[in-house]
Amino acid sequence: MSVSASYSLGFSGDLMLGRQVDALYGTDRRPPTALWGDLQLMLRGFDGLFSSLACSLTSAGEPWDDRRFQFRADPEWSTTALRAATVDCCTLTSPHLMDLGAVGLDETLSVLAGADIETVGAGHSLAAATTPTAIDCRGLTVAVVAFADATASTGGSGAETAATPGRPGTAHVAFDPANDASMAIIRSTLEASEQFDPDVVVASLRWGSTSHPQPPARHQQLIRQLADWGVDLVVGHGGRSFQGVELLNRDNSPTVVCYDLGDFVGDYEIDPADRNDRSFLFELVVDGDGRLLELVLHPTEIESRAVYRASDRGAAWARQTMIERSAAFETSFERSGTQLVVPVR
């Protein structure tokens, strides 16, 4: 690997492709590639693209009667859309992956594998769900681990969706540094990722449904433990809106923390104050040795069940809100056109 090369890794928030999104793209009313609005070329330009899937991709299974929401998308159009954006890896820690039960999860895993998209965070057993994955990003090896929070305070992560030694589901652990059993699982998974000799290690964490603009102290404590264990980038999911960015420097080894990426595309009702339709496409730039160089935040906006570059007004709101939500972490941003940039080195 050339030490002079640089690599660009893209990270998106939740992809909720069910309900009205599925009705629009799954009935030939709109081509699947239109899901990405005017962002498709940017998405395809990354050396690696990582997304969080917030629904199952299945035509099988029966909805759980006690679930208020059941999110599923037709596998044919949804995998066409994911391939069009060249998504390399989907994290599967959303509780909605189990909306159609084990049959729905099984088809989701199968169709993503058929589309040559790596998955992490769910599986046919606890061992499978907690297995790390690695992606070859045009010569850069990126290892990914993924977990959902199983603490009692996260109502969005019910025990019924958790994988066990004999039951399929998602990778649940308690996001509590004082919980020795959960910390042992996370550390073991990170140690298992060392088999890939990764250049970059990413931890994808689903906090559970939250509308809080700031992460609680417990989450910050967990992330500092992950930084000590060698994680380079933490990306959070589960909230409808994005949270702040923090740069940790532990023993001269930086860890970039994106506490919550919010929604990237979906059909959720828009909160006029919180503007959950506005977020960013997060771009991590690293050199040929895997050293982090900068984090670039591209403002985005959901409109008509698709995602676009944010309007001037939307971009200005997103930039200012991100700066405000990151102030507690003393994060320094630079401005580059419509983008925010966090220099790492």
Protein backbone atom coordinates (compact mmCIF):
# COMPACT_ATOMS: atom_id res chain seq x y z
CA MET A 1 0.00 0.00 0.00
CA SER A 2 1.38 3.39 -0.94
CA VAL A 3 1.92 5.66 2.05
CA SER A 4 1.21 8.67 -0.17
CA ALA A 5 -2.26 7.44 -1.14
CA SER A 6 -5.38 8.76 0.55
CA TYR A 7 -8.69 7.00 0.92
CA SER A 8 -12.19 8.34 1.34
CA LEU A 9 -14.74 6.40 3.39
CA GLY A 10 -18.41 7.39 3.41
CA PHE A 11 -20.83 6.80 6.31
CA SER A 12 -24.56 7.44 6.20
CA GLY A 13 -27.28 7.49 8.81
CA ASP A 14 -30.25 5.15 8.86
CA LEU A 15 -31.79 3.86 5.63
CA MET A 16 -35.48 3.24 6.34
CA LEU A 17 -36.70 1.81 3.03
CA GLY A 18 -40.09 0.50 4.16
CA ARG A 19 -43.64 1.91 4.28
CA GLN A 20 -44.10 4.87 1.93
CA VAL A 21 -40.57 4.57 0.54
CA ASP A 22 -41.22 0.96 -0.42
CA ALA A 23 -44.61 1.86 -1.89
CA LEU A 24 -42.99 4.51 -4.09
CA TYR A 25 -39.99 2.58 -5.41
CA GLY A 26 -41.41 -0.92 -5.25
CA THR A 27 -44.26 -0.28 -7.67
CA ASP A 28 -42.28 1.19 -10.59
CA ARG A 29 -43.58 4.67 -9.78
CA ARG A 30 -39.97 5.80 -9.42
CA PRO A 31 -36.70 4.06 -10.40
CA PRO A 32 -34.65 2.71 -7.47
CA THR A 33 -31.65 4.91 -8.33
CA ALA A 34 -33.77 8.00 -7.67
CA LEU A 35 -33.56 7.19 -3.94
CA TRP A 36 -30.16 8.91 -3.92
CA GLY A 37 -31.36 12.16 -5.49
CA ASP A 38 -28.33 14.13 -6.70
CA LEU A 39 -25.90 12.23 -4.43
CA GLN A 40 -25.36 9.05 -6.43
CA LEU A 41 -22.07 10.13 -8.03
CA MET A 42 -20.69 11.21 -4.66
CA LEU A 43 -21.74 7.93 -3.06
CA ARG A 44 -20.14 5.91 -5.84
CA GLY A 45 -16.95 7.93 -5.54
CA PHE A 46 -16.05 6.75 -2.04
CA ASP A 47 -13.45 4.03 -1.65
CA GLY A 48 -15.87 2.43 0.81
CA LEU A 49 -19.47 3.20 1.72
CA PHE A 50 -21.04 2.11 5.01
CA SER A 51 -24.74 2.45 5.86
CA SER A 52 -27.13 1.47 8.63
CA LEU A 53 -30.21 -0.44 7.52
CA ALA A 54 -33.34 0.32 9.57
CA CYS A 55 -35.73 -2.22 8.05
CA SER A 56 -35.75 -5.76 6.75
CA LEU A 57 -35.43 -6.53 3.05
CA THR A 58 -37.92 -9.32 2.65
CA SER A 59 -41.12 -10.47 1.02
CA ALA A 60 -41.41 -13.32 3.51
CA GLY A 61 -42.30 -13.65 7.16
CA GLU A 62 -45.30 -12.61 9.20
CA PRO A 63 -45.53 -9.31 11.09
CA TRP A 64 -45.36 -9.49 14.84
CA ASP A 65 -48.85 -8.68 16.13
CA ASP A 66 -47.59 -6.68 19.10
CA ARG A 67 -45.45 -4.34 17.01
CA ARG A 68 -46.85 -0.92 16.20
CA PHE A 69 -44.50 -0.45 13.25
CA GLN A 70 -43.33 -3.09 10.82
CA PHE A 71 -40.69 -1.90 8.39
CA ARG A 72 -39.89 -4.00 5.36
CA ALA A 73 -38.82 -3.24 1.81
CA ASP A 74 -39.07 -5.35 -1.30
CA PRO A 75 -35.67 -7.00 -1.84
CA GLU A 76 -35.58 -6.48 -5.60
CA TRP A 77 -35.75 -2.70 -5.81
CA SER A 78 -33.92 -2.09 -2.52
CA THR A 79 -30.87 -4.14 -3.45
CA THR A 80 -30.85 -2.45 -6.87
CA ALA A 81 -30.72 0.91 -5.10
CA LEU A 82 -27.98 -0.20 -2.70
CA ARG A 83 -25.89 -1.54 -5.58
CA ALA A 84 -26.40 1.69 -7.53
CA ALA A 85 -24.81 3.60 -4.64
CA THR A 86 -22.10 0.92 -4.28
CA VAL A 87 -22.85 0.35 -0.60
CA ASP A 88 -20.12 -1.95 0.71
CA CYS A 89 -21.41 -2.72 4.20
CA CYS A 90 -24.74 -2.51 6.03
CA THR A 91 -24.96 -2.62 9.81
CA LEU A 92 -28.03 -4.55 10.95
CA THR A 93 -28.53 -3.53 14.57
CA SER A 94 -31.95 -1.89 14.24
CA PRO A 95 -34.74 -3.74 16.09
CA HIS A 96 -36.77 -3.41 12.88
CA LEU A 97 -34.57 -6.08 11.29
CA MET A 98 -36.71 -8.52 13.27
CA ASP A 99 -40.11 -7.00 12.39
CA LEU A 100 -40.84 -10.03 10.20
CA GLY A 101 -39.18 -12.49 12.53
CA ALA A 102 -36.38 -14.91 11.82
CA VAL A 103 -37.62 -15.56 8.26
CA GLY A 104 -37.40 -11.88 7.44
CA LEU A 105 -33.90 -11.58 8.89
CA ASP A 106 -32.78 -14.68 7.00
CA GLU A 107 -33.93 -13.24 3.66
CA THR A 108 -32.34 -9.88 4.47
CA LEU A 109 -28.99 -11.55 5.09
CA SER A 110 -29.38 -13.64 1.94
CA VAL A 111 -30.29 -10.84 -0.46
CA LEU A 112 -27.53 -8.56 0.85
CA ALA A 113 -24.99 -11.34 0.42
CA GLY A 114 -26.32 -11.86 -3.11
CA ALA A 115 -25.76 -8.16 -3.79
CA ASP A 116 -22.15 -8.49 -2.55
CA ILE A 117 -22.83 -6.26 0.46
CA GLU A 118 -21.18 -7.20 3.74
CA THR A 119 -23.31 -7.25 6.90
CA VAL A 120 -22.50 -6.95 10.58
CA GLY A 121 -24.53 -6.77 13.79
CA ALA A 122 -27.09 -9.53 13.17
CA GLY A 123 -27.03 -13.24 12.47
CA HIS A 124 -28.48 -16.69 13.02
CA SER A 125 -26.98 -16.88 16.52
CA LEU A 126 -25.26 -14.68 19.07
CA ALA A 127 -21.87 -15.79 17.78
CA ALA A 128 -22.81 -14.84 14.22
CA ALA A 129 -24.34 -11.51 15.26
CA THR A 130 -21.21 -10.47 17.13
CA THR A 131 -18.78 -11.55 14.42
CA PRO A 132 -16.78 -8.62 12.96
CA THR A 133 -16.46 -8.08 9.24
CA ALA A 134 -13.84 -6.48 7.03
CA ILE A 135 -14.13 -4.61 3.74
CA ASP A 136 -11.40 -4.13 1.16
CA CYS A 137 -11.80 -0.48 0.20
CA ARG A 138 -9.64 -0.41 -2.92
CA GLY A 139 -6.59 -1.50 -0.97
CA LEU A 140 -7.50 -0.17 2.49
CA THR A 141 -8.82 -2.76 4.95
CA VAL A 142 -11.63 -1.52 7.19
CA ALA A 143 -12.84 -3.73 10.04
CA VAL A 144 -16.34 -3.13 11.42
CA VAL A 145 -18.00 -4.25 14.65
CA ALA A 146 -21.61 -3.41 15.47
CA PHE A 147 -23.81 -3.61 18.56
CA ALA A 148 -27.17 -2.39 19.87
CA ASP A 149 -27.70 -1.18 23.42
CA ALA A 150 -29.48 -3.65 25.68
CA THR A 151 -29.73 -1.50 28.78
CA ALA A 152 -33.17 -1.00 30.32
CA SER A 153 -33.25 2.70 29.36
CA THR A 154 -33.34 1.99 25.61
CA GLY A 155 -36.91 1.09 24.81
CA GLY A 156 -36.14 0.71 21.11
CA SER A 157 -33.92 -2.30 21.67
CA GLY A 158 -36.25 -4.97 23.04
CA ALA A 159 -34.95 -8.27 24.29
CA GLU A 160 -37.11 -10.10 21.73
CA THR A 161 -34.84 -8.89 18.92
CA ALA A 162 -31.61 -10.02 20.59
CA ALA A 163 -29.64 -12.93 19.22
CA THR A 164 -28.93 -15.77 21.66
CA PRO A 165 -26.76 -18.88 21.28
CA GLY A 166 -29.76 -20.68 19.79
CA ARG A 167 -31.85 -17.87 18.28
CA PRO A 168 -31.28 -15.41 15.42
CA GLY A 169 -31.37 -11.69 16.05
CA THR A 170 -29.24 -8.59 16.50
CA ALA A 171 -26.10 -8.11 18.59
CA HIS A 172 -27.25 -6.74 21.94
CA VAL A 173 -24.96 -5.77 24.80
CA ALA A 174 -25.38 -3.30 27.63
CA PHE A 175 -23.64 -0.04 26.77
CA ASP A 176 -22.43 0.26 30.33
CA PRO A 177 -18.70 0.33 31.14
CA ALA A 178 -19.53 -1.17 34.55
CA ASN A 179 -21.11 -4.25 32.96
CA ASP A 180 -18.17 -6.64 32.81
CA ALA A 181 -19.97 -9.28 30.72
CA SER A 182 -20.98 -6.81 28.00
CA MET A 183 -17.56 -5.17 27.92
CA ALA A 184 -15.98 -8.60 27.55
CA ILE A 185 -18.14 -9.32 24.48
CA ILE A 186 -17.23 -6.01 22.86
CA ARG A 187 -13.54 -6.45 23.58
CA SER A 188 -13.58 -10.03 22.32
CA THR A 189 -15.19 -8.89 19.07
CA LEU A 190 -12.59 -6.16 18.62
CA GLU A 191 -9.83 -8.68 19.27
CA ALA A 192 -11.38 -10.98 16.65
CA SER A 193 -11.21 -8.12 14.12
CA GLU A 194 -7.41 -8.17 14.45
CA GLN A 195 -7.38 -11.27 12.23
CA PHE A 196 -8.02 -8.94 9.28
CA ASP A 197 -4.94 -6.80 10.04
CA PRO A 198 -7.15 -3.74 9.50
CA ASP A 199 -5.92 -0.28 8.60
CA VAL A 200 -9.03 1.29 10.18
CA VAL A 201 -11.34 -0.07 12.90
CA VAL A 202 -14.94 1.17 13.00
CA ALA A 203 -17.48 0.60 15.79
CA SER A 204 -21.15 1.08 14.85
CA LEU A 205 -23.32 1.56 17.94
CA ARG A 206 -27.12 1.76 18.02
CA TRP A 207 -28.10 3.66 21.11
CA GLY A 208 -31.82 2.99 20.83
CA SER A 209 -34.52 5.49 19.94
CA THR A 210 -33.57 8.91 21.21
CA SER A 211 -34.41 12.50 20.46
CA HIS A 212 -31.77 13.97 22.77
CA PRO A 213 -29.40 16.41 21.03
CA GLN A 214 -26.56 15.43 23.40
CA PRO A 215 -25.24 11.96 24.28
CA PRO A 216 -25.52 10.92 27.94
CA ALA A 217 -22.44 10.48 30.09
CA ARG A 218 -22.73 6.68 29.89
CA HIS A 219 -22.28 6.75 26.12
CA GLN A 220 -19.28 9.02 26.38
CA GLN A 221 -17.68 6.71 28.95
CA LEU A 222 -18.19 3.70 26.68
CA ILE A 223 -16.62 5.48 23.73
CA ARG A 224 -13.53 6.35 25.75
CA GLN A 225 -13.16 2.67 26.54
CA LEU A 226 -13.44 1.82 22.84
CA ALA A 227 -10.79 4.42 22.04
CA ASP A 228 -8.46 2.79 24.56
CA TRP A 229 -9.09 -0.52 22.78
CA GLY A 230 -7.98 0.87 19.42
CA VAL A 231 -11.20 1.92 17.67
CA ASP A 232 -10.50 4.65 15.11
CA LEU A 233 -14.06 5.75 14.32
CA VAL A 234 -17.30 5.45 16.25
CA VAL A 235 -20.57 6.01 14.38
CA GLY A 236 -23.80 6.12 16.35
CA HIS A 237 -27.32 5.35 15.15
CA GLY A 238 -30.84 5.17 16.51
CA GLY A 239 -31.86 8.81 16.85
CA ARG A 240 -34.00 10.54 14.29
CA SER A 241 -31.58 13.52 14.35
CA PHE A 242 -27.81 13.86 14.35
CA GLN A 243 -25.71 14.54 17.42
CA GLY A 244 -22.32 16.20 17.78
CA VAL A 245 -18.82 15.17 16.77
CA GLU A 246 -15.91 14.69 19.15
CA LEU A 247 -12.22 14.13 18.51
CA LEU A 248 -10.42 12.06 21.14
CA ASN A 249 -6.65 11.84 21.34
CA ARG A 250 -5.68 8.86 23.45
CA ASP A 251 -1.94 8.25 23.62
CA ASN A 252 -1.45 10.28 20.42
CA SER A 253 -3.85 7.96 18.57
CA PRO A 254 -6.96 9.92 17.51
CA THR A 255 -10.47 8.50 17.59
CA VAL A 256 -13.22 10.30 15.70
CA VAL A 257 -16.65 10.07 17.30
CA CYS A 258 -19.87 10.81 15.41
CA TYR A 259 -22.34 10.32 18.24
CA ASP A 260 -25.40 9.87 16.03
CA LEU A 261 -25.71 10.16 12.26
CA GLY A 262 -29.49 10.57 12.32
CA ASP A 263 -31.63 9.57 9.34
CA PHE A 264 -30.29 9.49 5.80
CA VAL A 265 -33.49 8.53 3.99
CA GLY A 266 -36.98 7.56 5.13
CA ASP A 267 -40.60 8.66 5.39
CA TYR A 268 -40.72 9.90 8.97
CA GLU A 269 -42.79 12.90 9.97
CA ILE A 270 -40.64 16.00 10.08
CA ASP A 271 -40.21 17.75 13.41
CA PRO A 272 -40.27 21.48 12.55
CA ALA A 273 -37.89 22.31 15.40
CA ASP A 274 -35.52 19.33 15.32
CA ARG A 275 -35.54 19.03 11.51
CA ASN A 276 -34.90 15.31 11.40
CA ASP A 277 -34.95 15.58 7.59
CA ARG A 278 -31.56 17.32 7.70
CA SER A 279 -28.28 15.61 8.41
CA PHE A 280 -24.91 14.91 6.79
CA LEU A 281 -23.06 12.37 4.74
CA PHE A 282 -19.94 11.77 6.82
CA GLU A 283 -16.64 11.29 4.97
CA LEU A 284 -13.54 10.04 6.76
CA VAL A 285 -10.28 10.65 4.90
CA VAL A 286 -7.29 8.51 5.82
CA ASP A 287 -3.81 8.08 4.38
CA GLY A 288 -2.32 4.92 2.96
CA ASP A 289 -1.23 3.74 6.40
CA GLY A 290 -4.69 4.16 7.84
CA ARG A 291 -3.88 7.36 9.71
CA LEU A 292 -6.90 9.61 10.08
CA LEU A 293 -6.57 12.92 8.24
CA GLU A 294 -9.93 14.67 8.41
CA LEU A 295 -13.66 14.24 8.76
CA VAL A 296 -15.76 16.01 6.13
CA LEU A 297 -19.46 16.63 6.73
CA HIS A 298 -21.62 17.03 3.61
CA PRO A 299 -25.06 18.53 4.46
CA THR A 300 -28.00 16.45 3.19
CA GLU A 301 -31.76 16.75 3.18
CA ILE A 302 -34.61 14.26 2.76
CA GLU A 303 -37.26 15.35 0.31
CA SER A 304 -40.05 13.34 -1.32
CA ARG A 305 -38.68 10.00 -0.01
CA ALA A 306 -35.20 10.64 -1.45
CA VAL A 307 -31.97 12.20 -0.18
CA TYR A 308 -30.33 15.24 -1.75
CA ARG A 309 -27.57 17.74 -1.15
CA ALA A 310 -29.08 20.18 1.28
CA SER A 311 -30.46 23.49 0.06
CA ASP A 312 -28.50 26.61 1.02
CA ARG A 313 -30.91 27.22 3.89
CA GLY A 314 -30.86 23.58 4.99
CA ALA A 315 -27.06 23.40 4.82
CA ALA A 316 -26.66 26.55 6.89
CA TRP A 317 -29.05 25.17 9.54
CA ALA A 318 -27.25 21.83 9.63
CA ARG A 319 -23.80 23.42 9.94
CA GLN A 320 -24.82 25.75 12.74
CA THR A 321 -26.67 23.00 14.59
CA MET A 322 -23.71 20.63 14.32
CA ILE A 323 -21.36 23.30 15.68
CA GLU A 324 -23.72 23.93 18.60
CA ARG A 325 -24.17 20.23 19.39
CA SER A 326 -20.40 19.69 19.28
CA ALA A 327 -19.53 22.70 21.46
CA ALA A 328 -19.45 20.64 24.65
CA PHE A 329 -16.64 18.57 23.12
CA GLU A 330 -14.63 21.64 22.06
CA THR A 331 -14.57 20.35 18.50
CA SER A 332 -12.95 22.71 16.00
CA PHE A 333 -14.58 22.95 12.57
CA GLU A 334 -13.35 24.52 9.38
CA ARG A 335 -15.62 25.63 6.55
CA SER A 336 -15.10 24.39 2.99
CA GLY A 337 -17.89 25.54 0.70
CA THR A 338 -21.10 24.03 2.05
CA GLN A 339 -19.16 21.47 4.10
CA LEU A 340 -17.76 21.34 7.60
CA VAL A 341 -14.30 19.84 8.09
CA VAL A 342 -12.73 18.49 11.28
CA PRO A 343 -8.94 18.24 10.87
CA VAL A 344 -7.60 15.20 12.67
CA ARG A 345 -3.87 15.67 12.15
